[in-house]
Amino acid sequence: MTRKKVQLAYITNDSARKATFKKRKKGLMKKVSELSTLCGIDACAILYSPYDSQPEVWPSPLGVHSVVARFKKMPEMEQSKKMVNQESFLKQRVAKGKEQLKKQGKDNREKEITRVMFQSLTGKGLDTLNIVDIFDLGWMIDQNLKEINKRIESLNEEAQSLAAAAGQLIIRNEGKVPMEKLTFDTMDAIQGQQWFVDFVNPNEQMGFSGEDMMLPFWDANQNANQMG
């Protein structure tokens, strides 16, 4: 069972506030003691409350005087460098929350525009989008095209590297080793990459353009009809 999140607000009920103070004070003193012991640092704590006539200190009055004296010997600029009070602490929390909210809003917007992009591919119209949506959609399409182009370039480079490696293997064997003796892994990898290169650049690979370009299975169907 998860702990209920505590609301950081002043406790108006007197008895509840006093009980919370005693509980939290004990926990604070314990944490300061653990921090000092585990990390080997000098630390102290001074607590004033309306429930005690004298302030409560840790580890002792002498220990508190020692730490405070060291602190006062520091230059004033250094003293306040990392000092925070309740107001500055809350401002830091608010600023951090705003930054997280901004990041979450950006992530949500990217997911929303990505969903619109894929819906448009299924035939859904874009007439409901406003000018901001259209600009964001254009940006998202550009980003995806860049990623696709990078992937194509990477696959082309891999195919060229594999082809060059296979050519070097043939040259080193001076043609004495038949093609079927080449390692199956190398040949399969070359063929696996080459189909994508042919798909991306069909005119370049097949030598067809314009009216001369025909689908491969169209010729097969024509030949079968002529033989029949």
C-alpha atoms as a PDB file:
ATOM      1  CA  MET A   1       0.000   0.000   0.000  1.00  0.00           C
ATOM      2  CA  THR A   2       1.477   3.350  -1.064  1.00  0.00           C
ATOM      3  CA  ARG A   3       1.771   6.221   1.361  1.00  0.00           C
ATOM      4  CA  LYS A   4      -0.695   9.045   1.004  1.00  0.00           C
ATOM      5  CA  LYS A   5       0.948  12.176  -0.376  1.00  0.00           C
ATOM      6  CA  VAL A   6       1.195  14.880   2.276  1.00  0.00           C
ATOM      7  CA  GLN A   7      -0.216  18.273   1.369  1.00  0.00           C
ATOM      8  CA  LEU A   8       2.404  20.927   2.150  1.00  0.00           C
ATOM      9  CA  ALA A   9       0.176  23.442   3.878  1.00  0.00           C
ATOM     10  CA  TYR A  10      -0.101  24.887   7.371  1.00  0.00           C
ATOM     11  CA  ILE A  11      -1.958  22.543   9.726  1.00  0.00           C
ATOM     12  CA  THR A  12      -4.739  24.592  11.263  1.00  0.00           C
ATOM     13  CA  ASN A  13      -5.728  22.034  13.922  1.00  0.00           C
ATOM     14  CA  ASP A  14      -3.639  22.666  17.063  1.00  0.00           C
ATOM     15  CA  SER A  15      -3.435  19.099  18.336  1.00  0.00           C
ATOM     16  CA  ALA A  16      -2.676  17.683  14.873  1.00  0.00           C
ATOM     17  CA  ARG A  17      -0.004  20.345  14.311  1.00  0.00           C
ATOM     18  CA  LYS A  18       1.685  19.587  17.648  1.00  0.00           C
ATOM     19  CA  ALA A  19       1.663  15.839  16.982  1.00  0.00           C
ATOM     20  CA  THR A  20       3.134  16.400  13.530  1.00  0.00           C
ATOM     21  CA  PHE A  21       5.851  18.645  14.953  1.00  0.00           C
ATOM     22  CA  LYS A  22       7.004  16.062  17.481  1.00  0.00           C
ATOM     23  CA  LYS A  23       7.033  13.297  14.894  1.00  0.00           C
ATOM     24  CA  ARG A  24       8.854  15.339  12.264  1.00  0.00           C
ATOM     25  CA  LYS A  25      11.340  16.766  14.763  1.00  0.00           C
ATOM     26  CA  LYS A  26      12.409  13.286  15.775  1.00  0.00           C
ATOM     27  CA  GLY A  27      12.804  12.267  12.148  1.00  0.00           C
ATOM     28  CA  LEU A  28      14.810  15.415  11.311  1.00  0.00           C
ATOM     29  CA  MET A  29      17.255  14.873  14.152  1.00  0.00           C
ATOM     30  CA  LYS A  30      17.724  11.275  13.092  1.00  0.00           C
ATOM     31  CA  LYS A  31      18.436  12.277   9.490  1.00  0.00           C
ATOM     32  CA  VAL A  32      21.015  14.878  10.529  1.00  0.00           C
ATOM     33  CA  SER A  33      22.728  12.299  12.737  1.00  0.00           C
ATOM     34  CA  GLU A  34      22.780   9.737   9.899  1.00  0.00           C
ATOM     35  CA  LEU A  35      24.137  12.290   7.425  1.00  0.00           C
ATOM     36  CA  SER A  36      26.947  13.284   9.783  1.00  0.00           C
ATOM     37  CA  THR A  37      27.890   9.673  10.554  1.00  0.00           C
ATOM     38  CA  LEU A  38      27.654   8.230   7.035  1.00  0.00           C
ATOM     39  CA  CYS A  39      29.420  11.085   5.258  1.00  0.00           C
ATOM     40  CA  GLY A  40      31.793  12.206   8.004  1.00  0.00           C
ATOM     41  CA  ILE A  41      30.681  15.842   7.950  1.00  0.00           C
ATOM     42  CA  ASP A  42      30.089  18.476  10.604  1.00  0.00           C
ATOM     43  CA  ALA A  43      26.403  19.302  10.958  1.00  0.00           C
ATOM     44  CA  CYS A  44      24.081  20.792  13.511  1.00  0.00           C
ATOM     45  CA  ALA A  45      20.401  21.524  14.004  1.00  0.00           C
ATOM     46  CA  ILE A  46      18.619  24.191  16.043  1.00  0.00           C
ATOM     47  CA  LEU A  47      14.852  24.027  16.494  1.00  0.00           C
ATOM     48  CA  TYR A  48      12.671  26.691  18.095  1.00  0.00           C
ATOM     49  CA  SER A  49       9.050  25.871  18.774  1.00  0.00           C
ATOM     50  CA  PRO A  50       6.119  27.315  20.725  1.00  0.00           C
ATOM     51  CA  TYR A  51       5.931  24.046  22.650  1.00  0.00           C
ATOM     52  CA  ASP A  52       9.328  24.354  24.390  1.00  0.00           C
ATOM     53  CA  SER A  53      10.800  27.259  26.349  1.00  0.00           C
ATOM     54  CA  GLN A  54      14.337  26.482  25.152  1.00  0.00           C
ATOM     55  CA  PRO A  55      15.490  25.603  21.625  1.00  0.00           C
ATOM     56  CA  GLU A  56      16.388  21.991  20.933  1.00  0.00           C
ATOM     57  CA  VAL A  57      19.853  21.461  19.438  1.00  0.00           C
ATOM     58  CA  TRP A  58      21.838  18.623  17.916  1.00  0.00           C
ATOM     59  CA  PRO A  59      24.389  17.183  18.601  1.00  0.00           C
ATOM     60  CA  SER A  60      25.040  19.420  21.617  1.00  0.00           C
ATOM     61  CA  PRO A  61      25.349  23.144  22.444  1.00  0.00           C
ATOM     62  CA  LEU A  62      29.144  22.882  22.081  1.00  0.00           C
ATOM     63  CA  GLY A  63      28.843  21.109  18.756  1.00  0.00           C
ATOM     64  CA  VAL A  64      26.406  23.723  17.478  1.00  0.00           C
ATOM     65  CA  HIS A  65      28.750  26.581  18.507  1.00  0.00           C
ATOM     66  CA  SER A  66      31.632  24.893  16.667  1.00  0.00           C
ATOM     67  CA  VAL A  67      29.713  24.511  13.388  1.00  0.00           C
ATOM     68  CA  VAL A  68      28.219  28.020  13.560  1.00  0.00           C
ATOM     69  CA  ALA A  69      31.656  29.533  14.270  1.00  0.00           C
ATOM     70  CA  ARG A  70      33.101  27.847  11.169  1.00  0.00           C
ATOM     71  CA  PHE A  71      30.166  29.128   9.132  1.00  0.00           C
ATOM     72  CA  LYS A  72      30.633  32.726  10.311  1.00  0.00           C
ATOM     73  CA  LYS A  73      34.334  32.657   9.359  1.00  0.00           C
ATOM     74  CA  MET A  74      33.366  32.180   5.707  1.00  0.00           C
ATOM     75  CA  PRO A  75      33.047  35.261   3.432  1.00  0.00           C
ATOM     76  CA  GLU A  76      29.498  36.613   3.276  1.00  0.00           C
ATOM     77  CA  MET A  77      29.235  35.769  -0.422  1.00  0.00           C
ATOM     78  CA  GLU A  78      30.109  32.140   0.296  1.00  0.00           C
ATOM     79  CA  GLN A  79      27.697  31.988   3.220  1.00  0.00           C
ATOM     80  CA  SER A  80      24.683  32.825   1.073  1.00  0.00           C
ATOM     81  CA  LYS A  81      25.800  30.949  -2.038  1.00  0.00           C
ATOM     82  CA  LYS A  82      23.741  27.818  -1.312  1.00  0.00           C
ATOM     83  CA  MET A  83      21.480  29.198   1.373  1.00  0.00           C
ATOM     84  CA  VAL A  84      17.733  28.800   0.944  1.00  0.00           C
ATOM     85  CA  ASN A  85      14.743  29.857   2.970  1.00  0.00           C
ATOM     86  CA  GLN A  86      11.145  28.766   2.666  1.00  0.00           C
ATOM     87  CA  GLU A  87      10.396  31.278  -0.092  1.00  0.00           C
ATOM     88  CA  SER A  88      13.415  30.477  -2.253  1.00  0.00           C
ATOM     89  CA  PHE A  89      12.885  26.744  -1.748  1.00  0.00           C
ATOM     90  CA  LEU A  90       9.284  27.010  -2.938  1.00  0.00           C
ATOM     91  CA  LYS A  91      10.377  29.128  -5.927  1.00  0.00           C
ATOM     92  CA  GLN A  92      12.830  26.403  -6.923  1.00  0.00           C
ATOM     93  CA  ARG A  93      10.093  23.784  -6.623  1.00  0.00           C
ATOM     94  CA  VAL A  94       7.708  25.894  -8.726  1.00  0.00           C
ATOM     95  CA  ALA A  95      10.357  26.494 -11.405  1.00  0.00           C
ATOM     96  CA  LYS A  96      11.146  22.771 -11.546  1.00  0.00           C
ATOM     97  CA  GLY A  97       7.443  21.947 -11.791  1.00  0.00           C
ATOM     98  CA  LYS A  98       6.981  24.419 -14.658  1.00  0.00           C
ATOM     99  CA  GLU A  99       9.922  22.897 -16.529  1.00  0.00           C
ATOM    100  CA  GLN A 100       8.495  19.393 -16.101  1.00  0.00           C
ATOM    101  CA  LEU A 101       5.078  20.619 -17.246  1.00  0.00           C
ATOM    102  CA  LYS A 102       6.612  22.231 -20.322  1.00  0.00           C
ATOM    103  CA  LYS A 103       8.470  19.031 -21.224  1.00  0.00           C
ATOM    104  CA  GLN A 104       5.342  16.922 -20.714  1.00  0.00           C
ATOM    105  CA  GLY A 105       3.329  19.318 -22.872  1.00  0.00           C
ATOM    106  CA  LYS A 106       5.892  19.019 -25.668  1.00  0.00           C
ATOM    107  CA  ASP A 107       5.831  15.208 -25.470  1.00  0.00           C
ATOM    108  CA  ASN A 108       2.021  15.188 -25.554  1.00  0.00           C
ATOM    109  CA  ARG A 109       1.998  17.522 -28.562  1.00  0.00           C
ATOM    110  CA  GLU A 110       4.415  15.309 -30.496  1.00  0.00           C
ATOM    111  CA  LYS A 111       2.273  12.243 -29.771  1.00  0.00           C
ATOM    112  CA  GLU A 112      -0.868  14.105 -30.861  1.00  0.00           C
ATOM    113  CA  ILE A 113       0.648  15.284 -34.157  1.00  0.00           C
ATOM    114  CA  THR A 114       2.114  11.825 -34.813  1.00  0.00           C
ATOM    115  CA  ARG A 115      -1.365  10.335 -34.406  1.00  0.00           C
ATOM    116  CA  VAL A 116      -2.773  12.928 -36.852  1.00  0.00           C
ATOM    117  CA  MET A 117      -0.015  12.086 -39.340  1.00  0.00           C
ATOM    118  CA  PHE A 118      -0.790   8.365 -39.310  1.00  0.00           C
ATOM    119  CA  GLN A 119      -4.539   9.008 -39.476  1.00  0.00           C
ATOM    120  CA  SER A 120      -4.010  11.124 -42.603  1.00  0.00           C
ATOM    121  CA  LEU A 121      -2.270   8.146 -44.219  1.00  0.00           C
ATOM    122  CA  THR A 122      -5.497   6.159 -43.815  1.00  0.00           C
ATOM    123  CA  GLY A 123      -7.440   8.794 -45.740  1.00  0.00           C
ATOM    124  CA  LYS A 124      -8.705  10.990 -42.911  1.00  0.00           C
ATOM    125  CA  GLY A 125      -8.952  14.617 -43.996  1.00  0.00           C
ATOM    126  CA  LEU A 126      -7.016  17.517 -42.503  1.00  0.00           C
ATOM    127  CA  ASP A 127      -9.811  20.089 -42.778  1.00  0.00           C
ATOM    128  CA  THR A 128     -10.282  20.186 -38.987  1.00  0.00           C
ATOM    129  CA  LEU A 129      -6.689  21.339 -38.363  1.00  0.00           C
ATOM    130  CA  ASN A 130      -5.837  24.954 -37.655  1.00  0.00           C
ATOM    131  CA  ILE A 131      -2.749  26.767 -38.938  1.00  0.00           C
ATOM    132  CA  VAL A 132      -0.654  25.822 -35.895  1.00  0.00           C
ATOM    133  CA  ASP A 133      -1.568  22.135 -36.288  1.00  0.00           C
ATOM    134  CA  ILE A 134      -0.615  22.228 -39.966  1.00  0.00           C
ATOM    135  CA  PHE A 135       2.775  23.796 -39.242  1.00  0.00           C
ATOM    136  CA  ASP A 136       3.446  21.213 -36.513  1.00  0.00           C
ATOM    137  CA  LEU A 137       2.366  18.412 -38.836  1.00  0.00           C
ATOM    138  CA  GLY A 138       4.749  19.683 -41.523  1.00  0.00           C
ATOM    139  CA  TRP A 139       7.580  19.737 -38.998  1.00  0.00           C
ATOM    140  CA  MET A 140       6.796  16.185 -37.874  1.00  0.00           C
ATOM    141  CA  ILE A 141       6.747  14.929 -41.493  1.00  0.00           C
ATOM    142  CA  ASP A 142      10.114  16.600 -42.153  1.00  0.00           C
ATOM    143  CA  GLN A 143      11.623  14.918 -39.089  1.00  0.00           C
ATOM    144  CA  ASN A 144      10.378  11.497 -40.184  1.00  0.00           C
ATOM    145  CA  LEU A 145      11.681  12.020 -43.731  1.00  0.00           C
ATOM    146  CA  LYS A 146      15.091  12.907 -42.342  1.00  0.00           C
ATOM    147  CA  GLU A 147      15.147   9.707 -40.321  1.00  0.00           C
ATOM    148  CA  ILE A 148      14.099   7.665 -43.365  1.00  0.00           C
ATOM    149  CA  ASN A 149      16.814   9.255 -45.518  1.00  0.00           C
ATOM    150  CA  LYS A 150      19.420   8.545 -42.852  1.00  0.00           C
ATOM    151  CA  ARG A 151      18.328   4.910 -42.750  1.00  0.00           C
ATOM    152  CA  ILE A 152      18.480   4.639 -46.552  1.00  0.00           C
ATOM    153  CA  GLU A 153      22.010   6.087 -46.596  1.00  0.00           C
ATOM    154  CA  SER A 154      23.062   3.671 -43.859  1.00  0.00           C
ATOM    155  CA  LEU A 155      21.659   0.670 -45.758  1.00  0.00           C
ATOM    156  CA  ASN A 156      23.339   1.800 -48.996  1.00  0.00           C
ATOM    157  CA  GLU A 157      26.689   2.108 -47.224  1.00  0.00           C
ATOM    158  CA  GLU A 158      26.282  -1.351 -45.678  1.00  0.00           C
ATOM    159  CA  ALA A 159      25.401  -2.874 -49.061  1.00  0.00           C
ATOM    160  CA  GLN A 160      28.413  -1.251 -50.714  1.00  0.00           C
ATOM    161  CA  SER A 161      30.715  -2.443 -47.935  1.00  0.00           C
ATOM    162  CA  LEU A 162      29.423  -6.022 -48.211  1.00  0.00           C
ATOM    163  CA  ALA A 163      29.757  -5.983 -52.011  1.00  0.00           C
ATOM    164  CA  ALA A 164      33.316  -4.700 -51.737  1.00  0.00           C
ATOM    165  CA  ALA A 165      34.150  -7.404 -49.183  1.00  0.00           C
ATOM    166  CA  ALA A 166      32.771 -10.102 -51.474  1.00  0.00           C
ATOM    167  CA  GLY A 167      34.762  -8.716 -54.419  1.00  0.00           C
ATOM    168  CA  GLN A 168      37.959  -8.749 -52.392  1.00  0.00           C
ATOM    169  CA  LEU A 169      37.277 -12.356 -51.407  1.00  0.00           C
ATOM    170  CA  ILE A 170      36.963 -13.376 -55.058  1.00  0.00           C
ATOM    171  CA  ILE A 171      40.131 -11.495 -56.034  1.00  0.00           C
ATOM    172  CA  ARG A 172      42.159 -13.069 -53.214  1.00  0.00           C
ATOM    173  CA  ASN A 173      41.102 -16.532 -54.392  1.00  0.00           C
ATOM    174  CA  GLU A 174      41.957 -15.560 -58.027  1.00  0.00           C
ATOM    175  CA  GLY A 175      38.745 -17.103 -59.281  1.00  0.00           C
ATOM    176  CA  LYS A 176      39.688 -20.577 -58.105  1.00  0.00           C
ATOM    177  CA  VAL A 177      36.812 -20.768 -55.672  1.00  0.00           C
ATOM    178  CA  PRO A 178      33.375 -20.968 -57.353  1.00  0.00           C
ATOM    179  CA  MET A 179      30.752 -18.428 -56.320  1.00  0.00           C
ATOM    180  CA  GLU A 180      28.699 -21.102 -54.544  1.00  0.00           C
ATOM    181  CA  LYS A 181      31.673 -21.726 -52.238  1.00  0.00           C
ATOM    182  CA  LEU A 182      31.507 -18.209 -50.806  1.00  0.00           C
ATOM    183  CA  THR A 183      30.182 -18.052 -47.260  1.00  0.00           C
ATOM    184  CA  PHE A 184      26.410 -18.145 -47.198  1.00  0.00           C
ATOM    185  CA  ASP A 185      26.321 -15.393 -44.578  1.00  0.00           C
ATOM    186  CA  THR A 186      28.132 -12.935 -46.861  1.00  0.00           C
ATOM    187  CA  MET A 187      25.985 -13.696 -49.909  1.00  0.00           C
ATOM    188  CA  ASP A 188      22.726 -13.625 -47.965  1.00  0.00           C
ATOM    189  CA  ALA A 189      23.663 -10.311 -46.391  1.00  0.00           C
ATOM    190  CA  ILE A 190      24.481  -8.811 -49.801  1.00  0.00           C
ATOM    191  CA  GLN A 191      21.220 -10.021 -51.297  1.00  0.00           C
ATOM    192  CA  GLY A 192      19.267  -8.867 -48.255  1.00  0.00           C
ATOM    193  CA  GLN A 193      20.648  -5.342 -48.562  1.00  0.00           C
ATOM    194  CA  GLN A 194      20.509  -5.215 -52.371  1.00  0.00           C
ATOM    195  CA  TRP A 195      16.729  -5.654 -52.614  1.00  0.00           C
ATOM    196  CA  PHE A 196      16.291  -2.456 -50.625  1.00  0.00           C
ATOM    197  CA  VAL A 197      18.745  -0.563 -52.869  1.00  0.00           C
ATOM    198  CA  ASP A 198      16.828  -1.801 -55.952  1.00  0.00           C
ATOM    199  CA  PHE A 199      13.542  -0.770 -54.360  1.00  0.00           C
ATOM    200  CA  VAL A 200      14.757   2.759 -53.544  1.00  0.00           C
ATOM    201  CA  ASN A 201      16.379   3.323 -56.973  1.00  0.00           C
ATOM    202  CA  PRO A 202      14.372   1.148 -59.407  1.00  0.00           C
ATOM    203  CA  ASN A 203      15.201   3.142 -62.563  1.00  0.00           C
ATOM    204  CA  GLU A 204      18.885   3.232 -61.695  1.00  0.00           C
ATOM    205  CA  GLN A 205      19.100  -0.529 -61.108  1.00  0.00           C
ATOM    206  CA  MET A 206      16.843  -1.812 -63.908  1.00  0.00           C
ATOM    207  CA  GLY A 207      17.681   0.691 -66.627  1.00  0.00           C
ATOM    208  CA  PHE A 208      14.028   1.559 -67.371  1.00  0.00           C
ATOM    209  CA  SER A 209      12.388   4.965 -67.444  1.00  0.00           C
ATOM    210  CA  GLY A 210       9.164   6.494 -68.701  1.00  0.00           C
ATOM    211  CA  GLU A 211       7.145   4.338 -71.100  1.00  0.00           C
ATOM    212  CA  ASP A 212       9.869   1.639 -71.236  1.00  0.00           C
ATOM    213  CA  MET A 213       9.388   0.741 -67.572  1.00  0.00           C
ATOM    214  CA  MET A 214       7.363  -2.469 -67.068  1.00  0.00           C
ATOM    215  CA  LEU A 215       6.564  -4.543 -64.014  1.00  0.00           C
ATOM    216  CA  PRO A 216       8.458  -7.900 -63.947  1.00  0.00           C
ATOM    217  CA  PHE A 217       5.338 -10.040 -63.505  1.00  0.00           C
ATOM    218  CA  TRP A 218       3.679  -8.392 -66.566  1.00  0.00           C
ATOM    219  CA  ASP A 219       6.278  -9.970 -68.903  1.00  0.00           C
ATOM    220  CA  ALA A 220       5.801 -13.382 -67.292  1.00  0.00           C
ATOM    221  CA  ASN A 221       2.049 -13.252 -67.854  1.00  0.00           C
ATOM    222  CA  GLN A 222       2.504 -12.235 -71.509  1.00  0.00           C
ATOM    223  CA  ASN A 223       4.947 -15.085 -72.182  1.00  0.00           C
ATOM    224  CA  ALA A 224       2.583 -17.599 -70.605  1.00  0.00           C
ATOM    225  CA  ASN A 225      -0.294 -16.400 -72.800  1.00  0.00           C
ATOM    226  CA  GLN A 226       1.842 -16.611 -75.956  1.00  0.00           C
ATOM    227  CA  MET A 227       2.954 -20.163 -75.106  1.00  0.00           C
ATOM    228  CA  GLY A 228      -0.643 -21.170 -74.533  1.00  0.00           C
END
